Amino acid sequence: MGTVIINVPQDINEKYDIKSIEASIELLEKLKNSKPETEVNSNDSLLGLFENESEIIDGITESAMQSREKDSLRLNNG
């Protein structure tokens, strides 16, 4: 008997017993062949939010840079 531990980004605690050797082999193969997700730091829930949205990030960055060019963050005292 073996154990597989899978960490998920949800507050759940589940246990499954697989009796069939064939089913366990199939499950392990699916896990090995699945696309790994980007690890997200549990302290920063926004990290990875735009992983597949590069165009949105480019637009946000461009807008921020244009705003910074127009409105300086520094005040001239003199």
PDB file of N, CA and C in Angstrom:
ATOM      1  N   MET A   1       0.860  -1.177   0.000  1.00  0.00           N
ATOM      2  CA  MET A   1       0.000   0.000   0.000  1.00  0.00           C
ATOM      3  C   MET A   1       0.892   1.221   0.000  1.00  0.00           C
ATOM      4  N   GLY A   2       0.588   2.194  -0.867  1.00  0.00           N
ATOM      5  CA  GLY A   2       1.361   3.428  -0.962  1.00  0.00           C
ATOM      6  C   GLY A   2       0.480   4.631  -0.715  1.00  0.00           C
ATOM      7  N   THR A   3       1.105   5.801  -0.673  1.00  0.00           N
ATOM      8  CA  THR A   3       0.396   7.042  -0.417  1.00  0.00           C
ATOM      9  C   THR A   3       0.826   8.090  -1.429  1.00  0.00           C
ATOM     10  N   VAL A   4      -0.142   8.850  -1.942  1.00  0.00           N
ATOM     11  CA  VAL A   4       0.116   9.989  -2.819  1.00  0.00           C
ATOM     12  C   VAL A   4      -0.503  11.197  -2.151  1.00  0.00           C
ATOM     13  N   ILE A   5       0.268  12.269  -2.003  1.00  0.00           N
ATOM     14  CA  ILE A   5      -0.234  13.490  -1.392  1.00  0.00           C
ATOM     15  C   ILE A   5      -0.326  14.561  -2.464  1.00  0.00           C
ATOM     16  N   ILE A   6      -1.495  15.176  -2.571  1.00  0.00           N
ATOM     17  CA  ILE A   6      -1.731  16.239  -3.540  1.00  0.00           C
ATOM     18  C   ILE A   6      -2.173  17.471  -2.775  1.00  0.00           C
ATOM     19  N   ASN A   7      -1.428  18.561  -2.906  1.00  0.00           N
ATOM     20  CA  ASN A   7      -1.803  19.823  -2.268  1.00  0.00           C
ATOM     21  C   ASN A   7      -2.626  20.640  -3.243  1.00  0.00           C
ATOM     22  N   VAL A   8      -3.762  21.134  -2.792  1.00  0.00           N
ATOM     23  CA  VAL A   8      -4.645  21.944  -3.619  1.00  0.00           C
ATOM     24  C   VAL A   8      -4.871  23.298  -2.957  1.00  0.00           C
ATOM     25  N   PRO A   9      -5.160  24.335  -3.751  1.00  0.00           N
ATOM     26  CA  PRO A   9      -5.348  25.674  -3.177  1.00  0.00           C
ATOM     27  C   PRO A   9      -6.757  25.887  -2.635  1.00  0.00           C
ATOM     28  N   GLN A  10      -7.245  24.931  -1.887  1.00  0.00           N
ATOM     29  CA  GLN A  10      -8.565  25.035  -1.277  1.00  0.00           C
ATOM     30  C   GLN A  10      -8.480  24.496   0.144  1.00  0.00           C
ATOM     31  N   ASP A  11      -9.396  24.917   0.971  1.00  0.00           N
ATOM     32  CA  ASP A  11      -9.418  24.450   2.348  1.00  0.00           C
ATOM     33  C   ASP A  11     -10.270  23.179   2.420  1.00  0.00           C
ATOM     34  N   ILE A  12      -9.702  22.073   1.956  1.00  0.00           N
ATOM     35  CA  ILE A  12     -10.413  20.790   1.971  1.00  0.00           C
ATOM     36  C   ILE A  12      -9.496  19.720   2.529  1.00  0.00           C
ATOM     37  N   ASN A  13     -10.098  18.669   2.987  1.00  0.00           N
ATOM     38  CA  ASN A  13      -9.338  17.524   3.485  1.00  0.00           C
ATOM     39  C   ASN A  13     -10.093  16.274   3.057  1.00  0.00           C
ATOM     40  N   GLU A  14      -9.617  15.620   2.027  1.00  0.00           N
ATOM     41  CA  GLU A  14     -10.280  14.445   1.470  1.00  0.00           C
ATOM     42  C   GLU A  14      -9.321  13.259   1.470  1.00  0.00           C
ATOM     43  N   LYS A  15      -9.872  12.076   1.586  1.00  0.00           N
ATOM     44  CA  LYS A  15      -9.079  10.851   1.503  1.00  0.00           C
ATOM     45  C   LYS A  15      -9.820   9.878   0.602  1.00  0.00           C
ATOM     46  N   TYR A  16      -9.093   9.310  -0.350  1.00  0.00           N
ATOM     47  CA  TYR A  16      -9.676   8.341  -1.265  1.00  0.00           C
ATOM     48  C   TYR A  16      -8.846   7.068  -1.215  1.00  0.00           C
ATOM     49  N   ASP A  17      -9.515   5.928  -1.171  1.00  0.00           N
ATOM     50  CA  ASP A  17      -8.844   4.635  -1.240  1.00  0.00           C
ATOM     51  C   ASP A  17      -9.145   4.017  -2.597  1.00  0.00           C
ATOM     52  N   ILE A  18      -8.078   3.692  -3.325  1.00  0.00           N
ATOM     53  CA  ILE A  18      -8.228   3.060  -4.633  1.00  0.00           C
ATOM     54  C   ILE A  18      -7.832   1.599  -4.479  1.00  0.00           C
ATOM     55  N   LYS A  19      -8.772   0.722  -4.750  1.00  0.00           N
ATOM     56  CA  LYS A  19      -8.537  -0.710  -4.577  1.00  0.00           C
ATOM     57  C   LYS A  19      -7.928  -1.359  -5.821  1.00  0.00           C
ATOM     58  N   SER A  20      -8.209  -0.792  -6.992  1.00  0.00           N
ATOM     59  CA  SER A  20      -7.781  -1.387  -8.253  1.00  0.00           C
ATOM     60  C   SER A  20      -6.371  -0.918  -8.620  1.00  0.00           C
ATOM     61  N   ILE A  21      -5.480  -1.844  -8.904  1.00  0.00           N
ATOM     62  CA  ILE A  21      -4.119  -1.510  -9.332  1.00  0.00           C
ATOM     63  C   ILE A  21      -4.161  -0.759 -10.661  1.00  0.00           C
ATOM     64  N   GLU A  22      -5.025  -1.224 -11.577  1.00  0.00           N
ATOM     65  CA  GLU A  22      -5.122  -0.573 -12.884  1.00  0.00           C
ATOM     66  C   GLU A  22      -5.590   0.879 -12.743  1.00  0.00           C
ATOM     67  N   ALA A  23      -6.565   1.114 -11.898  1.00  0.00           N
ATOM     68  CA  ALA A  23      -7.069   2.474 -11.683  1.00  0.00           C
ATOM     69  C   ALA A  23      -5.996   3.368 -11.068  1.00  0.00           C
ATOM     70  N   SER A  24      -5.221   2.818 -10.150  1.00  0.00           N
ATOM     71  CA  SER A  24      -4.174   3.621  -9.524  1.00  0.00           C
ATOM     72  C   SER A  24      -3.068   3.951 -10.528  1.00  0.00           C
ATOM     73  N   ILE A  25      -2.722   3.000 -11.396  1.00  0.00           N
ATOM     74  CA  ILE A  25      -1.714   3.259 -12.434  1.00  0.00           C
ATOM     75  C   ILE A  25      -2.216   4.336 -13.392  1.00  0.00           C
ATOM     76  N   GLU A  26      -3.490   4.235 -13.791  1.00  0.00           N
ATOM     77  CA  GLU A  26      -4.073   5.218 -14.701  1.00  0.00           C
ATOM     78  C   GLU A  26      -4.078   6.619 -14.068  1.00  0.00           C
ATOM     79  N   LEU A  27      -4.454   6.696 -12.799  1.00  0.00           N
ATOM     80  CA  LEU A  27      -4.472   7.982 -12.099  1.00  0.00           C
ATOM     81  C   LEU A  27      -3.074   8.581 -12.016  1.00  0.00           C
ATOM     82  N   LEU A  28      -2.096   7.771 -11.666  1.00  0.00           N
ATOM     83  CA  LEU A  28      -0.719   8.263 -11.557  1.00  0.00           C
ATOM     84  C   LEU A  28      -0.191   8.730 -12.905  1.00  0.00           C
ATOM     85  N   GLU A  29      -0.528   8.034 -13.975  1.00  0.00           N
ATOM     86  CA  GLU A  29      -0.109   8.452 -15.313  1.00  0.00           C
ATOM     87  C   GLU A  29      -0.732   9.786 -15.690  1.00  0.00           C
ATOM     88  N   LYS A  30      -2.009   9.959 -15.375  1.00  0.00           N
ATOM     89  CA  LYS A  30      -2.681  11.232 -15.661  1.00  0.00           C
ATOM     90  C   LYS A  30      -2.032  12.372 -14.882  1.00  0.00           C
ATOM     91  N   LEU A  31      -1.678  12.122 -13.634  1.00  0.00           N
ATOM     92  CA  LEU A  31      -1.015  13.147 -12.833  1.00  0.00           C
ATOM     93  C   LEU A  31       0.356  13.501 -13.403  1.00  0.00           C
ATOM     94  N   LYS A  32       1.100  12.492 -13.822  1.00  0.00           N
ATOM     95  CA  LYS A  32       2.433  12.733 -14.380  1.00  0.00           C
ATOM     96  C   LYS A  32       2.365  13.505 -15.688  1.00  0.00           C
ATOM     97  N   ASN A  33       1.334  13.267 -16.489  1.00  0.00           N
ATOM     98  CA  ASN A  33       1.216  13.889 -17.803  1.00  0.00           C
ATOM     99  C   ASN A  33       0.467  15.217 -17.786  1.00  0.00           C
ATOM    100  N   SER A  34      -0.081  15.581 -16.638  1.00  0.00           N
ATOM    101  CA  SER A  34      -0.833  16.836 -16.567  1.00  0.00           C
ATOM    102  C   SER A  34       0.124  18.017 -16.573  1.00  0.00           C
ATOM    103  N   LYS A  35      -0.356  19.152 -17.090  1.00  0.00           N
ATOM    104  CA  LYS A  35       0.441  20.371 -17.135  1.00  0.00           C
ATOM    105  C   LYS A  35       0.574  20.915 -15.718  1.00  0.00           C
ATOM    106  N   PRO A  36       1.792  21.098 -15.250  1.00  0.00           N
ATOM    107  CA  PRO A  36       1.946  21.655 -13.903  1.00  0.00           C
ATOM    108  C   PRO A  36       1.499  23.108 -13.868  1.00  0.00           C
ATOM    109  N   GLU A  37       0.785  23.466 -12.844  1.00  0.00           N
ATOM    110  CA  GLU A  37       0.320  24.831 -12.667  1.00  0.00           C
ATOM    111  C   GLU A  37       1.449  25.664 -12.067  1.00  0.00           C
ATOM    112  N   THR A  38       1.373  26.948 -12.297  1.00  0.00           N
ATOM    113  CA  THR A  38       2.327  27.865 -11.693  1.00  0.00           C
ATOM    114  C   THR A  38       2.098  27.877 -10.187  1.00  0.00           C
ATOM    115  N   GLU A  39       3.179  27.744  -9.445  1.00  0.00           N
ATOM    116  CA  GLU A  39       3.037  27.775  -7.995  1.00  0.00           C
ATOM    117  C   GLU A  39       2.668  29.180  -7.551  1.00  0.00           C
ATOM    118  N   VAL A  40       1.744  29.269  -6.656  1.00  0.00           N
ATOM    119  CA  VAL A  40       1.283  30.552  -6.146  1.00  0.00           C
ATOM    120  C   VAL A  40       1.624  30.631  -4.667  1.00  0.00           C
ATOM    121  N   ASN A  41       2.245  31.719  -4.297  1.00  0.00           N
ATOM    122  CA  ASN A  41       2.572  31.959  -2.900  1.00  0.00           C
ATOM    123  C   ASN A  41       1.274  32.174  -2.137  1.00  0.00           C
ATOM    124  N   SER A  42       1.034  31.403  -1.105  1.00  0.00           N
ATOM    125  CA  SER A  42      -0.226  31.501  -0.370  1.00  0.00           C
ATOM    126  C   SER A  42      -0.403  32.862   0.303  1.00  0.00           C
ATOM    127  N   ASN A  43       0.692  33.609   0.485  1.00  0.00           N
ATOM    128  CA  ASN A  43       0.599  34.932   1.084  1.00  0.00           C
ATOM    129  C   ASN A  43       0.186  35.996   0.073  1.00  0.00           C
ATOM    130  N   ASP A  44       0.265  35.695  -1.229  1.00  0.00           N
ATOM    131  CA  ASP A  44      -0.062  36.663  -2.272  1.00  0.00           C
ATOM    132  C   ASP A  44      -1.066  36.044  -3.231  1.00  0.00           C
ATOM    133  N   SER A  45      -2.346  36.246  -2.977  1.00  0.00           N
ATOM    134  CA  SER A  45      -3.383  35.603  -3.777  1.00  0.00           C
ATOM    135  C   SER A  45      -3.459  36.160  -5.190  1.00  0.00           C
ATOM    136  N   LEU A  46      -2.841  37.311  -5.472  1.00  0.00           N
ATOM    137  CA  LEU A  46      -2.875  37.890  -6.815  1.00  0.00           C
ATOM    138  C   LEU A  46      -1.764  37.349  -7.715  1.00  0.00           C
ATOM    139  N   LEU A  47      -0.759  36.731  -7.125  1.00  0.00           N
ATOM    140  CA  LEU A  47       0.337  36.202  -7.915  1.00  0.00           C
ATOM    141  C   LEU A  47      -0.177  35.109  -8.836  1.00  0.00           C
ATOM    142  N   GLY A  48       0.094  35.238 -10.114  1.00  0.00           N
ATOM    143  CA  GLY A  48      -0.358  34.249 -11.073  1.00  0.00           C
ATOM    144  C   GLY A  48      -1.748  34.496 -11.617  1.00  0.00           C
ATOM    145  N   LEU A  49      -2.428  35.532 -11.138  1.00  0.00           N
ATOM    146  CA  LEU A  49      -3.786  35.813 -11.573  1.00  0.00           C
ATOM    147  C   LEU A  49      -3.863  36.094 -13.072  1.00  0.00           C
ATOM    148  N   PHE A  50      -2.833  36.763 -13.608  1.00  0.00           N
ATOM    149  CA  PHE A  50      -2.817  37.122 -15.019  1.00  0.00           C
ATOM    150  C   PHE A  50      -1.836  36.260 -15.803  1.00  0.00           C
ATOM    151  N   GLU A  51      -1.610  35.053 -15.363  1.00  0.00           N
ATOM    152  CA  GLU A  51      -0.633  34.165 -15.993  1.00  0.00           C
ATOM    153  C   GLU A  51      -0.868  34.008 -17.493  1.00  0.00           C
ATOM    154  N   ASN A  52      -2.101  33.864 -17.904  1.00  0.00           N
ATOM    155  CA  ASN A  52      -2.420  33.650 -19.315  1.00  0.00           C
ATOM    156  C   ASN A  52      -2.972  34.907 -19.982  1.00  0.00           C
ATOM    157  N   GLU A  53      -2.770  36.044 -19.380  1.00  0.00           N
ATOM    158  CA  GLU A  53      -3.321  37.302 -19.880  1.00  0.00           C
ATOM    159  C   GLU A  53      -2.213  38.307 -20.149  1.00  0.00           C
ATOM    160  N   SER A  54      -1.246  37.945 -20.981  1.00  0.00           N
ATOM    161  CA  SER A  54      -0.095  38.814 -21.217  1.00  0.00           C
ATOM    162  C   SER A  54      -0.499  40.132 -21.876  1.00  0.00           C
ATOM    163  N   GLU A  55      -1.520  40.112 -22.743  1.00  0.00           N
ATOM    164  CA  GLU A  55      -1.946  41.344 -23.405  1.00  0.00           C
ATOM    165  C   GLU A  55      -2.524  42.344 -22.408  1.00  0.00           C
ATOM    166  N   ILE A  56      -3.248  41.838 -21.433  1.00  0.00           N
ATOM    167  CA  ILE A  56      -3.802  42.726 -20.407  1.00  0.00           C
ATOM    168  C   ILE A  56      -2.680  43.354 -19.592  1.00  0.00           C
ATOM    169  N   ILE A  57      -1.708  42.550 -19.203  1.00  0.00           N
ATOM    170  CA  ILE A  57      -0.567  43.062 -18.428  1.00  0.00           C
ATOM    171  C   ILE A  57       0.206  44.082 -19.239  1.00  0.00           C
ATOM    172  N   ASP A  58       0.410  43.820 -20.543  1.00  0.00           N
ATOM    173  CA  ASP A  58       1.105  44.782 -21.398  1.00  0.00           C
ATOM    174  C   ASP A  58       0.355  46.100 -21.447  1.00  0.00           C
ATOM    175  N   GLY A  59      -0.979  46.043 -21.558  1.00  0.00           N
ATOM    176  CA  GLY A  59      -1.788  47.259 -21.590  1.00  0.00           C
ATOM    177  C   GLY A  59      -1.716  48.031 -20.284  1.00  0.00           C
ATOM    178  N   ILE A  60      -1.770  47.314 -19.176  1.00  0.00           N
ATOM    179  CA  ILE A  60      -1.687  47.957 -17.860  1.00  0.00           C
ATOM    180  C   ILE A  60      -0.328  48.630 -17.686  1.00  0.00           C
ATOM    181  N   THR A  61       0.723  47.918 -18.082  1.00  0.00           N
ATOM    182  CA  THR A  61       2.074  48.463 -17.963  1.00  0.00           C
ATOM    183  C   THR A  61       2.236  49.701 -18.833  1.00  0.00           C
ATOM    184  N   GLU A  62       1.763  49.628 -20.077  1.00  0.00           N
ATOM    185  CA  GLU A  62       1.866  50.772 -20.980  1.00  0.00           C
ATOM    186  C   GLU A  62       1.108  51.973 -20.428  1.00  0.00           C
ATOM    187  N   SER A  63      -0.091  51.737 -19.918  1.00  0.00           N
ATOM    188  CA  SER A  63      -0.889  52.822 -19.341  1.00  0.00           C
ATOM    189  C   SER A  63      -0.181  53.452 -18.145  1.00  0.00           C
ATOM    190  N   ALA A  64       0.410  52.630 -17.304  1.00  0.00           N
ATOM    191  CA  ALA A  64       1.127  53.144 -16.132  1.00  0.00           C
ATOM    192  C   ALA A  64       2.330  53.972 -16.549  1.00  0.00           C
ATOM    193  N   MET A  65       3.057  53.513 -17.569  1.00  0.00           N
ATOM    194  CA  MET A  65       4.229  54.256 -18.030  1.00  0.00           C
ATOM    195  C   MET A  65       3.819  55.590 -18.656  1.00  0.00           C
ATOM    196  N   GLN A  66       2.728  55.610 -19.424  1.00  0.00           N
ATOM    197  CA  GLN A  66       2.251  56.860 -20.014  1.00  0.00           C
ATOM    198  C   GLN A  66       1.807  57.837 -18.933  1.00  0.00           C
ATOM    199  N   SER A  67       1.130  57.352 -17.921  1.00  0.00           N
ATOM    200  CA  SER A  67       0.712  58.213 -16.812  1.00  0.00           C
ATOM    201  C   SER A  67       1.911  58.787 -16.085  1.00  0.00           C
ATOM    202  N   ARG A  68       2.924  57.978 -15.932  1.00  0.00           N
ATOM    203  CA  ARG A  68       4.120  58.435 -15.229  1.00  0.00           C
ATOM    204  C   ARG A  68       4.864  59.495 -16.038  1.00  0.00           C
ATOM    205  N   GLU A  69       4.845  59.355 -17.375  1.00  0.00           N
ATOM    206  CA  GLU A  69       5.487  60.359 -18.225  1.00  0.00           C
ATOM    207  C   GLU A  69       4.742  61.690 -18.150  1.00  0.00           C
ATOM    208  N   LYS A  70       3.414  61.640 -18.098  1.00  0.00           N
ATOM    209  CA  LYS A  70       2.597  62.855 -18.060  1.00  0.00           C
ATOM    210  C   LYS A  70       2.637  63.527 -16.693  1.00  0.00           C
ATOM    211  N   ASP A  71       2.419  62.737 -15.661  1.00  0.00           N
ATOM    212  CA  ASP A  71       2.317  63.262 -14.304  1.00  0.00           C
ATOM    213  C   ASP A  71       3.496  62.750 -13.476  1.00  0.00           C
ATOM    214  N   SER A  72       4.476  63.610 -13.284  1.00  0.00           N
ATOM    215  CA  SER A  72       5.650  63.216 -12.526  1.00  0.00           C
ATOM    216  C   SER A  72       5.268  62.893 -11.087  1.00  0.00           C
ATOM    217  N   LEU A  73       5.939  61.941 -10.517  1.00  0.00           N
ATOM    218  CA  LEU A  73       5.675  61.570  -9.135  1.00  0.00           C
ATOM    219  C   LEU A  73       6.406  62.490  -8.155  1.00  0.00           C
ATOM    220  N   ARG A  74       7.303  63.313  -8.690  1.00  0.00           N
ATOM    221  CA  ARG A  74       8.092  64.215  -7.836  1.00  0.00           C
ATOM    222  C   ARG A  74       7.584  65.630  -7.968  1.00  0.00           C
ATOM    223  N   LEU A  75       7.632  66.344  -6.866  1.00  0.00           N
ATOM    224  CA  LEU A  75       7.238  67.735  -6.844  1.00  0.00           C
ATOM    225  C   LEU A  75       8.481  68.610  -6.882  1.00  0.00           C
ATOM    226  N   ASN A  76       8.430  69.653  -7.669  1.00  0.00           N
ATOM    227  CA  ASN A  76       9.546  70.603  -7.726  1.00  0.00           C
ATOM    228  C   ASN A  76       9.317  71.681  -6.679  1.00  0.00           C
ATOM    229  N   ASN A  77      10.240  71.820  -5.763  1.00  0.00           N
ATOM    230  CA  ASN A  77      10.124  72.837  -4.695  1.00  0.00           C
ATOM    231  C   ASN A  77      11.029  74.024  -5.013  1.00  0.00           C
ATOM    232  N   GLY A  78      10.750  74.672  -6.073  1.00  0.00           N
ATOM    233  CA  GLY A  78      11.576  75.834  -6.307  1.00  0.00           C
ATOM    234  C   GLY A  78      11.730  76.234  -7.685  1.00  0.00           C
TER     235      GLY A  78
END
